[in-house]
N, C-alpha and C. Protein backbone atom coordinates (compact mmCIF):
# COMPACT_ATOMS: atom_id res chain seq x y z
N UNK A 1 23.90 64.01 269.06
CA UNK A 1 24.63 63.45 267.90
C UNK A 1 24.33 62.02 267.97
N UNK A 2 23.76 61.13 267.02
CA UNK A 2 23.70 59.83 267.09
C UNK A 2 24.61 59.00 266.01
N UNK A 3 24.86 59.83 264.94
CA UNK A 3 25.56 59.05 263.93
C UNK A 3 26.76 60.26 263.38
N UNK A 4 27.68 59.64 262.88
CA UNK A 4 28.91 60.46 262.37
C UNK A 4 28.47 61.60 261.45
N UNK A 5 27.40 61.36 260.47
CA UNK A 5 27.07 62.34 259.59
C UNK A 5 26.43 63.51 260.23
N UNK A 6 25.70 63.30 261.42
CA UNK A 6 25.10 64.33 262.18
C UNK A 6 26.03 65.52 262.34
N UNK A 7 27.27 65.29 262.48
CA UNK A 7 28.29 66.45 262.76
C UNK A 7 28.30 67.31 261.44
N UNK A 8 28.28 66.62 260.19
CA UNK A 8 28.30 67.38 259.00
C UNK A 8 26.98 68.09 258.85
N UNK A 9 25.85 67.51 259.30
CA UNK A 9 24.70 68.12 259.02
C UNK A 9 24.65 69.46 259.80
N UNK A 10 25.32 69.57 260.86
CA UNK A 10 25.44 70.82 261.67
C UNK A 10 26.05 71.79 261.07
N UNK A 11 26.92 71.48 260.00
CA UNK A 11 27.81 72.27 259.28
C UNK A 11 27.19 72.81 257.91
N UNK A 12 25.97 72.57 257.81
CA UNK A 12 25.33 73.05 256.47
C UNK A 12 25.30 74.66 256.54
N UNK A 13 25.72 75.28 255.58
CA UNK A 13 25.98 76.82 255.43
C UNK A 13 26.95 77.30 256.33
N UNK A 14 27.91 76.45 256.63
CA UNK A 14 29.25 76.88 257.34
C UNK A 14 30.38 76.55 256.46
N UNK A 15 31.42 77.24 256.83
CA UNK A 15 32.82 77.02 256.05
C UNK A 15 33.44 75.70 256.79
N UNK A 16 33.80 74.83 255.86
CA UNK A 16 34.39 73.51 256.45
C UNK A 16 35.74 73.32 255.70
N UNK A 17 36.51 72.48 256.22
CA UNK A 17 37.80 72.09 255.72
C UNK A 17 37.70 70.62 255.23
N UNK A 18 38.07 70.39 253.85
CA UNK A 18 37.94 68.99 253.44
C UNK A 18 39.28 68.70 252.90
N UNK A 19 39.92 67.50 253.53
CA UNK A 19 41.14 67.02 252.89
C UNK A 19 40.73 65.91 251.97
N UNK A 20 41.49 65.87 250.84
CA UNK A 20 41.13 64.97 249.83
C UNK A 20 42.44 64.13 249.37
N UNK A 21 42.10 63.04 248.64
CA UNK A 21 43.33 62.27 248.12
C UNK A 21 44.19 63.18 247.20
N UNK A 22 45.56 62.56 247.17
CA UNK A 22 46.39 63.39 246.13
C UNK A 22 46.93 64.81 246.66
N UNK A 23 46.95 65.04 247.93
CA UNK A 23 47.40 66.00 248.59
C UNK A 23 46.61 67.30 248.12
N UNK A 24 45.31 67.31 248.10
CA UNK A 24 44.47 68.43 247.88
C UNK A 24 43.61 68.80 249.11
N UNK A 25 43.49 70.07 249.33
CA UNK A 25 42.61 70.62 250.40
C UNK A 25 41.60 71.50 249.95
N UNK A 26 40.52 71.55 250.34
CA UNK A 26 39.36 72.48 250.13
C UNK A 26 38.95 73.16 251.23
N UNK A 27 38.70 74.50 251.35
CA UNK A 27 37.92 75.27 252.34
C UNK A 27 36.90 75.93 251.72
N UNK A 28 35.55 75.64 251.99
CA UNK A 28 34.53 76.35 251.56
C UNK A 28 33.12 76.24 252.34
N UNK A 29 32.22 76.68 251.74
CA UNK A 29 30.93 76.74 252.54
C UNK A 29 30.08 75.49 251.98
N UNK A 30 29.63 74.80 253.03
CA UNK A 30 28.94 73.50 252.59
C UNK A 30 27.56 73.83 252.29
N UNK A 31 27.00 73.41 251.26
CA UNK A 31 25.73 73.61 250.73
C UNK A 31 24.76 72.32 250.98
N UNK A 32 25.41 71.16 250.54
CA UNK A 32 24.71 69.83 250.45
C UNK A 32 25.76 68.59 250.61
N UNK A 33 25.37 67.62 251.15
CA UNK A 33 26.00 66.31 251.13
C UNK A 33 25.07 65.18 251.17
N UNK A 34 25.69 63.91 250.87
CA UNK A 34 24.79 62.80 250.87
C UNK A 34 25.69 61.60 251.75
N UNK A 35 25.09 60.46 251.75
CA UNK A 35 25.59 59.46 252.62
C UNK A 35 27.08 58.95 252.19
N UNK A 36 27.30 59.19 250.90
CA UNK A 36 28.59 58.88 250.35
C UNK A 36 29.65 60.03 250.40
N UNK A 37 29.26 61.10 251.21
CA UNK A 37 30.13 62.29 251.34
C UNK A 37 30.41 63.09 250.01
N UNK A 38 29.57 62.77 249.00
CA UNK A 38 29.50 63.72 247.86
C UNK A 38 29.07 65.05 248.51
N UNK A 39 29.73 66.19 248.04
CA UNK A 39 29.39 67.51 248.66
C UNK A 39 29.30 68.58 247.67
N UNK A 40 28.47 69.52 247.93
CA UNK A 40 28.48 70.90 247.08
C UNK A 40 29.03 71.97 247.97
N UNK A 41 30.21 72.40 247.40
CA UNK A 41 30.68 73.67 248.19
C UNK A 41 30.76 74.90 247.38
N UNK A 42 30.64 76.02 248.09
CA UNK A 42 30.85 77.34 247.47
C UNK A 42 31.84 78.13 248.12
N UNK A 43 32.23 79.32 247.50
CA UNK A 43 33.45 80.07 247.83
C UNK A 43 34.67 79.19 248.24
N UNK A 44 34.95 78.34 247.18
CA UNK A 44 35.91 77.32 247.60
C UNK A 44 37.52 77.89 247.26
N UNK A 45 38.25 77.58 248.15
CA UNK A 45 39.66 77.80 247.96
C UNK A 45 40.39 76.52 247.99
N UNK A 46 40.98 75.98 246.84
CA UNK A 46 41.56 74.67 246.71
C UNK A 46 43.15 74.67 246.78
N UNK A 47 43.79 74.00 247.61
CA UNK A 47 45.21 74.05 247.59
C UNK A 47 45.76 72.69 247.26
N UNK A 48 46.62 72.60 246.26
CA UNK A 48 47.15 71.39 245.78
C UNK A 48 48.66 71.51 246.21
N UNK A 49 49.16 70.58 246.92
CA UNK A 49 50.51 70.40 247.26
C UNK A 49 51.22 69.29 246.43
N UNK A 50 52.39 69.61 245.90
CA UNK A 50 53.15 68.60 245.27
C UNK A 50 54.71 68.75 245.68
N UNK A 51 55.33 67.65 245.49
CA UNK A 51 56.74 67.67 245.80
C UNK A 51 57.68 67.20 244.70
N UNK A 52 58.78 67.73 244.59
CA UNK A 52 59.62 67.19 243.48
C UNK A 52 61.08 67.38 244.03
N UNK A 53 62.00 66.62 243.42
CA UNK A 53 63.37 66.63 244.09
C UNK A 53 64.29 67.52 243.09
N UNK A 54 65.02 68.41 243.70
CA UNK A 54 65.97 69.21 242.89
C UNK A 54 67.00 68.32 242.44
N UNK A 55 67.22 68.44 241.02
CA UNK A 55 68.17 67.33 240.52
C UNK A 55 69.78 67.72 240.80
N UNK A 56 69.98 69.03 241.15
CA UNK A 56 71.35 69.37 241.50
C UNK A 56 71.67 69.00 242.91
N UNK A 57 70.79 69.52 243.77
CA UNK A 57 70.98 69.35 245.24
C UNK A 57 70.45 68.24 245.85
N UNK A 58 69.56 67.63 245.27
CA UNK A 58 68.77 66.47 245.83
C UNK A 58 67.81 66.81 246.93
N UNK A 59 67.53 68.15 247.08
CA UNK A 59 66.64 68.73 248.06
C UNK A 59 65.21 68.42 247.56
N UNK A 60 64.24 68.24 248.50
CA UNK A 60 62.82 68.08 248.23
C UNK A 60 62.22 69.54 248.07
N UNK A 61 61.52 69.76 247.20
CA UNK A 61 60.99 71.06 246.85
C UNK A 61 59.45 70.89 246.92
N UNK A 62 58.72 71.80 247.92
CA UNK A 62 57.46 71.58 248.14
C UNK A 62 56.72 72.81 247.31
N UNK A 63 55.84 72.49 246.45
CA UNK A 63 54.95 73.50 245.62
C UNK A 63 53.66 73.51 246.09
N UNK A 64 53.22 74.68 246.30
CA UNK A 64 51.71 74.80 246.60
C UNK A 64 51.00 75.61 245.64
N UNK A 65 49.92 75.18 244.93
CA UNK A 65 49.22 75.90 244.06
C UNK A 65 47.71 76.30 244.69
N UNK A 66 47.27 77.31 244.62
CA UNK A 66 45.80 77.79 245.20
C UNK A 66 45.10 78.30 244.00
N UNK A 67 43.75 78.00 244.14
CA UNK A 67 42.81 78.59 243.02
C UNK A 67 41.56 78.74 243.81
N UNK A 68 40.68 79.69 243.46
CA UNK A 68 39.40 79.90 244.01
C UNK A 68 38.54 79.53 242.91
N UNK A 69 37.51 78.86 243.52
CA UNK A 69 36.20 78.32 242.60
C UNK A 69 34.91 78.68 243.31
N UNK A 70 34.11 79.28 242.51
CA UNK A 70 32.80 79.79 242.92
C UNK A 70 31.82 78.53 243.58
N UNK A 71 31.77 77.59 242.81
CA UNK A 71 30.89 76.54 243.26
C UNK A 71 31.64 75.15 242.75
N UNK A 72 31.60 74.13 243.64
CA UNK A 72 32.28 72.93 243.45
C UNK A 72 31.59 71.71 243.82
N UNK A 73 31.54 70.62 242.98
CA UNK A 73 30.88 69.34 243.39
C UNK A 73 32.06 68.56 243.81
N UNK A 74 32.10 67.93 245.01
CA UNK A 74 33.20 66.95 245.34
C UNK A 74 32.60 65.73 245.42
N UNK A 75 33.38 64.73 244.62
CA UNK A 75 32.87 63.33 244.82
C UNK A 75 33.38 62.75 245.99
N UNK A 76 32.57 62.07 246.65
CA UNK A 76 32.76 61.47 248.16
C UNK A 76 34.01 60.50 248.26
N UNK A 77 34.21 59.83 247.07
CA UNK A 77 35.30 58.82 247.09
C UNK A 77 36.70 59.32 247.20
N UNK A 78 36.85 60.72 247.14
CA UNK A 78 38.12 61.33 247.28
C UNK A 78 38.26 62.04 248.62
N UNK A 79 37.30 62.13 249.36
CA UNK A 79 37.42 62.66 250.64
C UNK A 79 37.95 61.78 251.70
N UNK A 80 39.01 62.35 252.35
CA UNK A 80 39.77 61.70 253.44
C UNK A 80 39.19 62.21 254.82
N UNK A 81 38.93 63.54 255.03
CA UNK A 81 38.61 64.11 256.22
C UNK A 81 37.65 65.27 256.08
N UNK A 82 36.71 65.40 256.86
CA UNK A 82 35.92 66.73 256.84
C UNK A 82 35.86 67.32 258.25
N UNK A 83 36.30 68.64 258.39
CA UNK A 83 36.48 69.21 259.61
C UNK A 83 35.40 70.38 259.64
N UNK A 84 34.43 70.30 260.73
CA UNK A 84 33.60 71.46 260.74
C UNK A 84 33.98 72.64 261.30
N UNK A 85 33.55 73.79 261.33
CA UNK A 85 34.03 74.88 261.84
C UNK A 85 34.08 74.84 263.35
N UNK A 86 35.08 75.59 263.98
CA UNK A 86 35.32 75.47 265.34
C UNK A 86 34.09 76.21 266.06
N UNK A 87 33.67 75.43 266.96
CA UNK A 87 32.51 76.05 267.82
C UNK A 87 33.03 76.08 269.18
N UNK A 88 32.64 77.26 269.81
CA UNK A 88 32.93 77.48 271.27
C UNK A 88 31.60 77.69 272.04
N UNK A 89 31.58 76.99 273.04
CA UNK A 89 30.37 77.26 273.91
C UNK A 89 30.35 78.36 274.88
């Protein structure tokens, strides 16, 4: 590997984890990407995490919403982290 994007190149047609801004997480099969980290994913599971405060107790409540999407275009400027699949030698 010579450049950081080489690691992503090795992940084409593999399942990847993508952490995005605003507490969004994506897990899906990587089909394409470019130098801006725009990506096309399929078989996507999106998880959105939000927190709110209970008015009566003052406790923080964590809500997680999950949805499945067949095909998704991810704009690169929301990507925080891309994790390739675990490889064992």
